[in-house]
Amino acid sequence: GAPIVLNMIFNYLFIKVLKVIDPMDYKLDI
């Protein structure tokens, strides 16, 4: 599996992309 750090970075970027696509849904904000 991928290192935990890379997984955390991926999750962070993924959430930022979701917030750009749908700014109204920021419940998963980090």
PDB file of N, CA and C in Angstrom:
ATOM      1  N   GLY A   1       0.820  -1.217   0.000  1.00  0.00           N
ATOM      2  CA  GLY A   1       0.000   0.000   0.000  1.00  0.00           C
ATOM      3  C   GLY A   1       0.848   1.259   0.000  1.00  0.00           C
ATOM      4  N   ALA A   2       0.188   2.366  -0.281  1.00  0.00           N
ATOM      5  CA  ALA A   2       0.905   3.641  -0.315  1.00  0.00           C
ATOM      6  C   ALA A   2       1.230   4.092   1.110  1.00  0.00           C
ATOM      7  N   PRO A   3       2.318   4.840   1.253  1.00  0.00           N
ATOM      8  CA  PRO A   3       2.659   5.392   2.569  1.00  0.00           C
ATOM      9  C   PRO A   3       1.527   6.266   3.099  1.00  0.00           C
ATOM     10  N   ILE A   4       1.405   6.316   4.424  1.00  0.00           N
ATOM     11  CA  ILE A   4       0.318   7.083   5.042  1.00  0.00           C
ATOM     12  C   ILE A   4       0.400   8.559   4.664  1.00  0.00           C
ATOM     13  N   VAL A   5       1.617   9.090   4.566  1.00  0.00           N
ATOM     14  CA  VAL A   5       1.775  10.515   4.236  1.00  0.00           C
ATOM     15  C   VAL A   5       1.190  10.810   2.861  1.00  0.00           C
ATOM     16  N   LEU A   6       1.490   9.941   1.882  1.00  0.00           N
ATOM     17  CA  LEU A   6       0.947  10.151   0.540  1.00  0.00           C
ATOM     18  C   LEU A   6      -0.568  10.042   0.555  1.00  0.00           C
ATOM     19  N   ASN A   7      -1.092   9.112   1.349  1.00  0.00           N
ATOM     20  CA  ASN A   7      -2.542   8.960   1.451  1.00  0.00           C
ATOM     21  C   ASN A   7      -3.182  10.213   2.043  1.00  0.00           C
ATOM     22  N   MET A   8      -2.545  10.794   3.069  1.00  0.00           N
ATOM     23  CA  MET A   8      -3.071  12.013   3.682  1.00  0.00           C
ATOM     24  C   MET A   8      -3.058  13.164   2.684  1.00  0.00           C
ATOM     25  N   ILE A   9      -1.970  13.282   1.912  1.00  0.00           N
ATOM     26  CA  ILE A   9      -1.871  14.347   0.911  1.00  0.00           C
ATOM     27  C   ILE A   9      -2.949  14.165  -0.149  1.00  0.00           C
ATOM     28  N   PHE A  10      -3.142  12.926  -0.593  1.00  0.00           N
ATOM     29  CA  PHE A  10      -4.162  12.648  -1.609  1.00  0.00           C
ATOM     30  C   PHE A  10      -5.547  13.026  -1.098  1.00  0.00           C
ATOM     31  N   ASN A  11      -5.854  12.632   0.145  1.00  0.00           N
ATOM     32  CA  ASN A  11      -7.162  12.957   0.721  1.00  0.00           C
ATOM     33  C   ASN A  11      -7.347  14.466   0.822  1.00  0.00           C
ATOM     34  N   TYR A  12      -6.294  15.184   1.227  1.00  0.00           N
ATOM     35  CA  TYR A  12      -6.370  16.641   1.359  1.00  0.00           C
ATOM     36  C   TYR A  12      -6.655  17.288   0.010  1.00  0.00           C
ATOM     37  N   LEU A  13      -5.916  16.866  -1.022  1.00  0.00           N
ATOM     38  CA  LEU A  13      -6.119  17.433  -2.357  1.00  0.00           C
ATOM     39  C   LEU A  13      -7.494  17.067  -2.895  1.00  0.00           C
ATOM     40  N   PHE A  14      -7.933  15.837  -2.643  1.00  0.00           N
ATOM     41  CA  PHE A  14      -9.236  15.380  -3.123  1.00  0.00           C
ATOM     42  C   PHE A  14     -10.357  16.235  -2.531  1.00  0.00           C
ATOM     43  N   ILE A  15     -10.262  16.520  -1.232  1.00  0.00           N
ATOM     44  CA  ILE A  15     -11.281  17.343  -0.577  1.00  0.00           C
ATOM     45  C   ILE A  15     -11.253  18.764  -1.126  1.00  0.00           C
ATOM     46  N   LYS A  16     -10.039  19.302  -1.382  1.00  0.00           N
ATOM     47  CA  LYS A  16      -9.955  20.648  -1.955  1.00  0.00           C
ATOM     48  C   LYS A  16     -10.604  20.679  -3.332  1.00  0.00           C
ATOM     49  N   VAL A  17     -10.412  19.634  -4.126  1.00  0.00           N
ATOM     50  CA  VAL A  17     -11.036  19.572  -5.449  1.00  0.00           C
ATOM     51  C   VAL A  17     -12.555  19.521  -5.313  1.00  0.00           C
ATOM     52  N   LEU A  18     -13.039  18.722  -4.361  1.00  0.00           N
ATOM     53  CA  LEU A  18     -14.488  18.640  -4.151  1.00  0.00           C
ATOM     54  C   LEU A  18     -15.053  20.005  -3.769  1.00  0.00           C
ATOM     55  N   LYS A  19     -14.304  20.760  -2.937  1.00  0.00           N
ATOM     56  CA  LYS A  19     -14.775  22.074  -2.504  1.00  0.00           C
ATOM     57  C   LYS A  19     -14.798  23.047  -3.676  1.00  0.00           C
ATOM     58  N   VAL A  20     -13.899  22.876  -4.627  1.00  0.00           N
ATOM     59  CA  VAL A  20     -13.896  23.745  -5.809  1.00  0.00           C
ATOM     60  C   VAL A  20     -15.085  23.401  -6.703  1.00  0.00           C
ATOM     61  N   ILE A  21     -15.350  22.095  -6.842  1.00  0.00           N
ATOM     62  CA  ILE A  21     -16.461  21.658  -7.686  1.00  0.00           C
ATOM     63  C   ILE A  21     -17.795  22.053  -7.050  1.00  0.00           C
ATOM     64  N   ASP A  22     -17.934  21.840  -5.751  1.00  0.00           N
ATOM     65  CA  ASP A  22     -19.183  22.142  -5.058  1.00  0.00           C
ATOM     66  C   ASP A  22     -18.873  22.903  -3.763  1.00  0.00           C
ATOM     67  N   PRO A  23     -18.681  24.222  -3.851  1.00  0.00           N
ATOM     68  CA  PRO A  23     -18.287  25.019  -2.679  1.00  0.00           C
ATOM     69  C   PRO A  23     -19.322  24.972  -1.556  1.00  0.00           C
ATOM     70  N   MET A  24     -20.552  24.589  -1.876  1.00  0.00           N
ATOM     71  CA  MET A  24     -21.585  24.557  -0.854  1.00  0.00           C
ATOM     72  C   MET A  24     -21.415  23.378   0.100  1.00  0.00           C
ATOM     73  N   ASP A  25     -20.646  22.382  -0.308  1.00  0.00           N
ATOM     74  CA  ASP A  25     -20.474  21.190   0.520  1.00  0.00           C
ATOM     75  C   ASP A  25     -19.078  21.193   1.126  1.00  0.00           C
ATOM     76  N   TYR A  26     -18.954  21.787   2.314  1.00  0.00           N
ATOM     77  CA  TYR A  26     -17.648  21.870   2.969  1.00  0.00           C
ATOM     78  C   TYR A  26     -17.673  21.153   4.315  1.00  0.00           C
ATOM     79  N   LYS A  27     -18.488  20.100   4.416  1.00  0.00           N
ATOM     80  CA  LYS A  27     -18.579  19.369   5.677  1.00  0.00           C
ATOM     81  C   LYS A  27     -17.295  18.584   5.965  1.00  0.00           C
ATOM     82  N   LEU A  28     -16.557  18.204   4.897  1.00  0.00           N
ATOM     83  CA  LEU A  28     -15.349  17.404   5.090  1.00  0.00           C
ATOM     84  C   LEU A  28     -14.109  18.281   5.162  1.00  0.00           C
ATOM     85  N   ASP A  29     -14.291  19.542   5.600  1.00  0.00           N
ATOM     86  CA  ASP A  29     -13.167  20.478   5.628  1.00  0.00           C
ATOM     87  C   ASP A  29     -12.084  20.010   6.593  1.00  0.00           C
ATOM     88  N   ILE A  30     -10.814  20.193   6.178  1.00  0.00           N
ATOM     89  CA  ILE A  30      -9.684  19.826   7.045  1.00  0.00           C
ATOM     90  C   ILE A  30      -9.064  21.113   7.596  1.00  0.00           C
TER      91      ILE A  30
END
